[in-house]
Amino acid sequence: MSASRQTAPMPVAEFLAWNAPDGSDRWELMEGTPRAMAPSSPRHGAIAAQIARLLGNHLVASQLECRVVVEPGVQPRVRADINVRIPDLGVTCTTIRSDDRLLREPVVLIEILSPSNAADTWANVWAYTTIPSVHEVLVVRVAEERAELLTRQSDGTWPENPVQLAPGDDVVLASIGFTAPLGVLYP
């Protein structure tokens, strides 16, 4: 099946069983249409690896029963039947089963924002806020030392705008007790 010849939206179950035309697994499902994801730049990958290491070390040291997952598939709650998005990193405190195809109950989702994919990244971020288990969404910029943090409020709502983080600011992911200077996220 070719993504370009598809007429009806592809449901998630079909997408998860689908053999991508290029044989890769770097595809996400956006509104029922499979979309290929370009390989990450070396800087993008290095930032993602640095954050994964920092979070993983923190989770081990804190003895939290949580784990970091690289490029997990997540299913937004809104239009869940035709959407699977792929953040750069996710944190879940739920057991991962060997047959899981999607990350269950993520609490933190992280995107690394490159200037070339800003619109798609922000579309994903807003989709992530529909997932009931998500407490924080962190967007880390590749081109400069800056980030945006969305934190679910105590009443379950999300702020209208993310908190802007600049050099010297701390990144606080309260759901997993993580605090670090923004600068350490950059290798």
C-alpha atoms as a PDB file:
ATOM      1  CA  MET A   1       0.000   0.000   0.000  1.00  0.00           C
ATOM      2  CA  SER A   2       1.354   3.397  -0.927  1.00  0.00           C
ATOM      3  CA  ALA A   3       0.727   6.396   1.301  1.00  0.00           C
ATOM      4  CA  SER A   4       0.169   8.545  -1.803  1.00  0.00           C
ATOM      5  CA  ARG A   5      -2.616   6.324  -3.227  1.00  0.00           C
ATOM      6  CA  GLN A   6      -4.553   5.934  -0.047  1.00  0.00           C
ATOM      7  CA  THR A   7      -8.115   7.240  -0.221  1.00  0.00           C
ATOM      8  CA  ALA A   8      -9.620   6.386   3.163  1.00  0.00           C
ATOM      9  CA  PRO A   9      -7.800   7.220   6.413  1.00  0.00           C
ATOM     10  CA  MET A  10      -5.614   4.342   7.552  1.00  0.00           C
ATOM     11  CA  PRO A  11      -6.650   3.123  11.024  1.00  0.00           C
ATOM     12  CA  VAL A  12      -4.014   2.612  13.712  1.00  0.00           C
ATOM     13  CA  ALA A  13      -4.317  -1.189  13.727  1.00  0.00           C
ATOM     14  CA  GLU A  14      -3.611  -1.305   9.986  1.00  0.00           C
ATOM     15  CA  PHE A  15      -0.723   1.164  10.364  1.00  0.00           C
ATOM     16  CA  LEU A  16       0.910  -0.950  13.073  1.00  0.00           C
ATOM     17  CA  ALA A  17       0.720  -4.031  10.800  1.00  0.00           C
ATOM     18  CA  TRP A  18       1.717  -2.088   7.656  1.00  0.00           C
ATOM     19  CA  ASN A  19       4.961  -2.778   5.802  1.00  0.00           C
ATOM     20  CA  ALA A  20       6.339   0.638   4.905  1.00  0.00           C
ATOM     21  CA  PRO A  21       7.425   0.946   1.258  1.00  0.00           C
ATOM     22  CA  ASP A  22      10.998   1.786   2.271  1.00  0.00           C
ATOM     23  CA  GLY A  23      11.151  -1.035   4.818  1.00  0.00           C
ATOM     24  CA  SER A  24      11.906   1.372   7.687  1.00  0.00           C
ATOM     25  CA  ASP A  25      10.029   2.049  10.894  1.00  0.00           C
ATOM     26  CA  ARG A  26      10.542   5.832  10.719  1.00  0.00           C
ATOM     27  CA  TRP A  27       6.916   6.576   9.910  1.00  0.00           C
ATOM     28  CA  GLU A  28       4.120   8.140  11.916  1.00  0.00           C
ATOM     29  CA  LEU A  29       0.393   8.228  11.232  1.00  0.00           C
ATOM     30  CA  MET A  30      -1.058  11.715  10.924  1.00  0.00           C
ATOM     31  CA  GLU A  31      -4.805  11.929  10.491  1.00  0.00           C
ATOM     32  CA  GLY A  32      -4.870   8.520   8.824  1.00  0.00           C
ATOM     33  CA  THR A  33      -1.965   9.173   6.439  1.00  0.00           C
ATOM     34  CA  PRO A  34       1.423   7.513   6.932  1.00  0.00           C
ATOM     35  CA  ARG A  35       4.189  10.092   6.859  1.00  0.00           C
ATOM     36  CA  ALA A  36       7.873   9.281   6.524  1.00  0.00           C
ATOM     37  CA  MET A  37      10.221  10.879   9.010  1.00  0.00           C
ATOM     38  CA  ALA A  38      13.618  12.100   7.810  1.00  0.00           C
ATOM     39  CA  PRO A  39      16.711  10.922   9.681  1.00  0.00           C
ATOM     40  CA  SER A  40      17.783  13.171  12.531  1.00  0.00           C
ATOM     41  CA  SER A  41      20.742  15.494  12.138  1.00  0.00           C
ATOM     42  CA  PRO A  42      23.818  14.554  14.182  1.00  0.00           C
ATOM     43  CA  ARG A  43      23.200  17.501  16.549  1.00  0.00           C
ATOM     44  CA  HIS A  44      19.546  16.511  16.978  1.00  0.00           C
ATOM     45  CA  GLY A  45      20.585  12.935  17.763  1.00  0.00           C
ATOM     46  CA  ALA A  46      23.312  14.044  20.169  1.00  0.00           C
ATOM     47  CA  ILE A  47      20.866  16.241  22.108  1.00  0.00           C
ATOM     48  CA  ALA A  48      18.322  13.406  22.271  1.00  0.00           C
ATOM     49  CA  ALA A  49      21.010  10.983  23.489  1.00  0.00           C
ATOM     50  CA  GLN A  50      22.232  13.450  26.122  1.00  0.00           C
ATOM     51  CA  ILE A  51      18.708  13.999  27.462  1.00  0.00           C
ATOM     52  CA  ALA A  52      17.987  10.246  27.457  1.00  0.00           C
ATOM     53  CA  ARG A  53      21.191   9.613  29.429  1.00  0.00           C
ATOM     54  CA  LEU A  54      20.450  12.358  31.957  1.00  0.00           C
ATOM     55  CA  LEU A  55      16.860  11.202  32.474  1.00  0.00           C
ATOM     56  CA  GLY A  56      17.845   7.539  32.653  1.00  0.00           C
ATOM     57  CA  ASN A  57      20.547   8.248  35.222  1.00  0.00           C
ATOM     58  CA  HIS A  58      18.095  10.320  37.251  1.00  0.00           C
ATOM     59  CA  LEU A  59      15.442   7.589  37.199  1.00  0.00           C
ATOM     60  CA  VAL A  60      17.958   4.960  38.358  1.00  0.00           C
ATOM     61  CA  ALA A  61      19.378   7.202  41.101  1.00  0.00           C
ATOM     62  CA  SER A  62      15.862   8.111  42.254  1.00  0.00           C
ATOM     63  CA  GLN A  63      14.824   4.449  42.240  1.00  0.00           C
ATOM     64  CA  LEU A  64      11.717   5.360  40.281  1.00  0.00           C
ATOM     65  CA  GLU A  65      10.059   2.505  38.427  1.00  0.00           C
ATOM     66  CA  CYS A  66      10.125   4.563  35.232  1.00  0.00           C
ATOM     67  CA  ARG A  67      12.089   4.296  32.012  1.00  0.00           C
ATOM     68  CA  VAL A  68      13.087   6.472  29.077  1.00  0.00           C
ATOM     69  CA  VAL A  69      12.092   5.265  25.615  1.00  0.00           C
ATOM     70  CA  VAL A  70      13.650   6.585  22.399  1.00  0.00           C
ATOM     71  CA  GLU A  71      11.218   7.417  19.573  1.00  0.00           C
ATOM     72  CA  PRO A  72       8.197   5.680  21.095  1.00  0.00           C
ATOM     73  CA  GLY A  73       4.911   5.536  19.249  1.00  0.00           C
ATOM     74  CA  VAL A  74       2.197   7.325  21.208  1.00  0.00           C
ATOM     75  CA  GLN A  75      -1.498   7.551  20.510  1.00  0.00           C
ATOM     76  CA  PRO A  76      -3.180  10.909  21.084  1.00  0.00           C
ATOM     77  CA  ARG A  77      -6.610  10.676  22.672  1.00  0.00           C
ATOM     78  CA  VAL A  78      -8.252  12.919  20.076  1.00  0.00           C
ATOM     79  CA  ARG A  79      -8.805  11.055  16.780  1.00  0.00           C
ATOM     80  CA  ALA A  80      -6.948   8.144  18.345  1.00  0.00           C
ATOM     81  CA  ASP A  81      -8.155   5.741  15.669  1.00  0.00           C
ATOM     82  CA  ILE A  82      -6.094   7.469  12.933  1.00  0.00           C
ATOM     83  CA  ASN A  83      -3.076   8.945  14.749  1.00  0.00           C
ATOM     84  CA  VAL A  84       0.248   7.587  15.982  1.00  0.00           C
ATOM     85  CA  ARG A  85       2.863  10.235  16.701  1.00  0.00           C
ATOM     86  CA  ILE A  86       6.575   9.697  17.361  1.00  0.00           C
ATOM     87  CA  PRO A  87       8.211  12.003  19.921  1.00  0.00           C
ATOM     88  CA  ASP A  88      11.986  11.940  20.241  1.00  0.00           C
ATOM     89  CA  LEU A  89      11.795  10.673  23.832  1.00  0.00           C
ATOM     90  CA  GLY A  90       9.142   9.474  26.232  1.00  0.00           C
ATOM     91  CA  VAL A  91       9.106   8.535  29.885  1.00  0.00           C
ATOM     92  CA  THR A  92       6.647   6.018  31.269  1.00  0.00           C
ATOM     93  CA  CYS A  93       6.255   4.561  34.742  1.00  0.00           C
ATOM     94  CA  THR A  94       4.169   1.659  33.426  1.00  0.00           C
ATOM     95  CA  THR A  95       5.636  -1.769  32.752  1.00  0.00           C
ATOM     96  CA  ILE A  96       6.613  -2.226  29.131  1.00  0.00           C
ATOM     97  CA  ARG A  97       5.419  -5.583  27.806  1.00  0.00           C
ATOM     98  CA  SER A  98       7.274  -7.396  25.034  1.00  0.00           C
ATOM     99  CA  ASP A  99       4.245  -7.170  22.727  1.00  0.00           C
ATOM    100  CA  ASP A 100       3.616  -3.420  23.222  1.00  0.00           C
ATOM    101  CA  ARG A 101       3.677  -1.522  19.928  1.00  0.00           C
ATOM    102  CA  LEU A 102       2.844   1.868  21.475  1.00  0.00           C
ATOM    103  CA  LEU A 103       4.063   3.482  24.674  1.00  0.00           C
ATOM    104  CA  ARG A 104       1.390   3.122  27.322  1.00  0.00           C
ATOM    105  CA  GLU A 105       0.777   5.938  29.787  1.00  0.00           C
ATOM    106  CA  PRO A 106       3.661   8.298  29.005  1.00  0.00           C
ATOM    107  CA  VAL A 107       4.181  10.932  31.705  1.00  0.00           C
ATOM    108  CA  VAL A 108       6.805  13.054  29.915  1.00  0.00           C
ATOM    109  CA  LEU A 109       7.218  13.534  26.160  1.00  0.00           C
ATOM    110  CA  ILE A 110      10.173  15.362  24.629  1.00  0.00           C
ATOM    111  CA  GLU A 111      10.630  16.778  21.154  1.00  0.00           C
ATOM    112  CA  ILE A 112      13.896  18.105  19.737  1.00  0.00           C
ATOM    113  CA  LEU A 113      12.898  21.030  17.516  1.00  0.00           C
ATOM    114  CA  SER A 114      14.797  21.644  14.299  1.00  0.00           C
ATOM    115  CA  PRO A 115      13.939  24.813  12.345  1.00  0.00           C
ATOM    116  CA  SER A 116      12.955  22.727   9.307  1.00  0.00           C
ATOM    117  CA  ASN A 117      10.228  20.784  11.134  1.00  0.00           C
ATOM    118  CA  ALA A 118       8.806  23.361  13.558  1.00  0.00           C
ATOM    119  CA  ALA A 119       5.204  23.240  12.294  1.00  0.00           C
ATOM    120  CA  ASP A 120       5.022  19.422  12.405  1.00  0.00           C
ATOM    121  CA  THR A 121       6.689  19.310  15.826  1.00  0.00           C
ATOM    122  CA  TRP A 122       4.218  21.787  17.316  1.00  0.00           C
ATOM    123  CA  ALA A 123       1.285  19.883  15.755  1.00  0.00           C
ATOM    124  CA  ASN A 124       2.571  16.796  17.575  1.00  0.00           C
ATOM    125  CA  VAL A 125       3.012  18.712  20.838  1.00  0.00           C
ATOM    126  CA  TRP A 126      -0.614  19.824  20.828  1.00  0.00           C
ATOM    127  CA  ALA A 127      -1.670  16.234  20.084  1.00  0.00           C
ATOM    128  CA  TYR A 128       0.383  15.025  23.074  1.00  0.00           C
ATOM    129  CA  THR A 129      -1.591  17.275  25.421  1.00  0.00           C
ATOM    130  CA  THR A 130      -4.673  15.132  24.714  1.00  0.00           C
ATOM    131  CA  ILE A 131      -3.034  12.060  26.287  1.00  0.00           C
ATOM    132  CA  PRO A 132      -4.451  11.835  29.844  1.00  0.00           C
ATOM    133  CA  SER A 133      -1.265  10.440  31.462  1.00  0.00           C
ATOM    134  CA  VAL A 134       1.066  13.146  30.089  1.00  0.00           C
ATOM    135  CA  HIS A 135       2.163  15.697  32.709  1.00  0.00           C
ATOM    136  CA  GLU A 136       4.918  17.544  30.830  1.00  0.00           C
ATOM    137  CA  VAL A 137       5.907  18.151  27.241  1.00  0.00           C
ATOM    138  CA  LEU A 138       9.390  19.574  26.703  1.00  0.00           C
ATOM    139  CA  VAL A 139      10.470  21.047  23.376  1.00  0.00           C
ATOM    140  CA  VAL A 140      14.241  21.503  23.135  1.00  0.00           C
ATOM    141  CA  ARG A 141      15.637  23.605  20.294  1.00  0.00           C
ATOM    142  CA  VAL A 142      18.533  22.391  18.170  1.00  0.00           C
ATOM    143  CA  ALA A 143      19.676  25.725  16.741  1.00  0.00           C
ATOM    144  CA  GLU A 144      20.096  27.527  20.068  1.00  0.00           C
ATOM    145  CA  GLU A 145      20.098  26.852  23.795  1.00  0.00           C
ATOM    146  CA  ARG A 146      16.386  27.363  24.384  1.00  0.00           C
ATOM    147  CA  ALA A 147      13.411  25.230  25.260  1.00  0.00           C
ATOM    148  CA  GLU A 148       9.684  25.439  25.887  1.00  0.00           C
ATOM    149  CA  LEU A 149       7.951  23.507  28.644  1.00  0.00           C
ATOM    150  CA  LEU A 150       4.268  22.750  28.898  1.00  0.00           C
ATOM    151  CA  THR A 151       3.117  21.443  32.288  1.00  0.00           C
ATOM    152  CA  ARG A 152      -0.380  20.128  32.968  1.00  0.00           C
ATOM    153  CA  GLN A 153      -1.950  22.269  35.676  1.00  0.00           C
ATOM    154  CA  SER A 154      -3.444  20.834  38.877  1.00  0.00           C
ATOM    155  CA  ASP A 155      -6.969  21.120  37.440  1.00  0.00           C
ATOM    156  CA  GLY A 156      -5.942  18.983  34.440  1.00  0.00           C
ATOM    157  CA  THR A 157      -5.785  21.820  31.935  1.00  0.00           C
ATOM    158  CA  TRP A 158      -2.773  23.024  29.978  1.00  0.00           C
ATOM    159  CA  PRO A 159      -1.462  26.591  29.940  1.00  0.00           C
ATOM    160  CA  GLU A 160      -2.180  28.677  26.868  1.00  0.00           C
ATOM    161  CA  ASN A 161       1.530  29.117  26.227  1.00  0.00           C
ATOM    162  CA  PRO A 162       4.611  27.134  27.203  1.00  0.00           C
ATOM    163  CA  VAL A 163       7.149  28.422  29.702  1.00  0.00           C
ATOM    164  CA  GLN A 164      10.140  29.792  27.784  1.00  0.00           C
ATOM    165  CA  LEU A 165      13.493  28.490  29.022  1.00  0.00           C
ATOM    166  CA  ALA A 166      16.760  30.287  28.239  1.00  0.00           C
ATOM    167  CA  PRO A 167      20.420  29.836  29.250  1.00  0.00           C
ATOM    168  CA  GLY A 168      20.682  29.824  33.053  1.00  0.00           C
ATOM    169  CA  ASP A 169      17.123  28.482  33.556  1.00  0.00           C
ATOM    170  CA  ASP A 170      16.366  25.104  35.088  1.00  0.00           C
ATOM    171  CA  VAL A 171      14.293  22.426  33.364  1.00  0.00           C
ATOM    172  CA  VAL A 172      11.842  21.031  35.922  1.00  0.00           C
ATOM    173  CA  LEU A 173       9.940  17.833  35.167  1.00  0.00           C
ATOM    174  CA  ALA A 174       7.993  17.551  38.410  1.00  0.00           C
ATOM    175  CA  SER A 175       6.231  14.298  37.486  1.00  0.00           C
ATOM    176  CA  ILE A 176       9.551  12.443  37.742  1.00  0.00           C
ATOM    177  CA  GLY A 177      11.348  14.772  40.168  1.00  0.00           C
ATOM    178  CA  PHE A 178      13.921  15.881  37.585  1.00  0.00           C
ATOM    179  CA  THR A 179      15.604  19.305  37.722  1.00  0.00           C
ATOM    180  CA  ALA A 180      18.666  20.314  35.722  1.00  0.00           C
ATOM    181  CA  PRO A 181      20.104  23.452  34.165  1.00  0.00           C
ATOM    182  CA  LEU A 182      19.010  23.822  30.547  1.00  0.00           C
ATOM    183  CA  GLY A 183      22.649  23.926  29.442  1.00  0.00           C
ATOM    184  CA  VAL A 184      23.365  20.320  30.498  1.00  0.00           C
ATOM    185  CA  LEU A 185      20.848  19.071  27.909  1.00  0.00           C
ATOM    186  CA  TYR A 186      23.286  20.162  25.211  1.00  0.00           C
ATOM    187  CA  PRO A 187      26.383  17.986  24.639  1.00  0.00           C
END
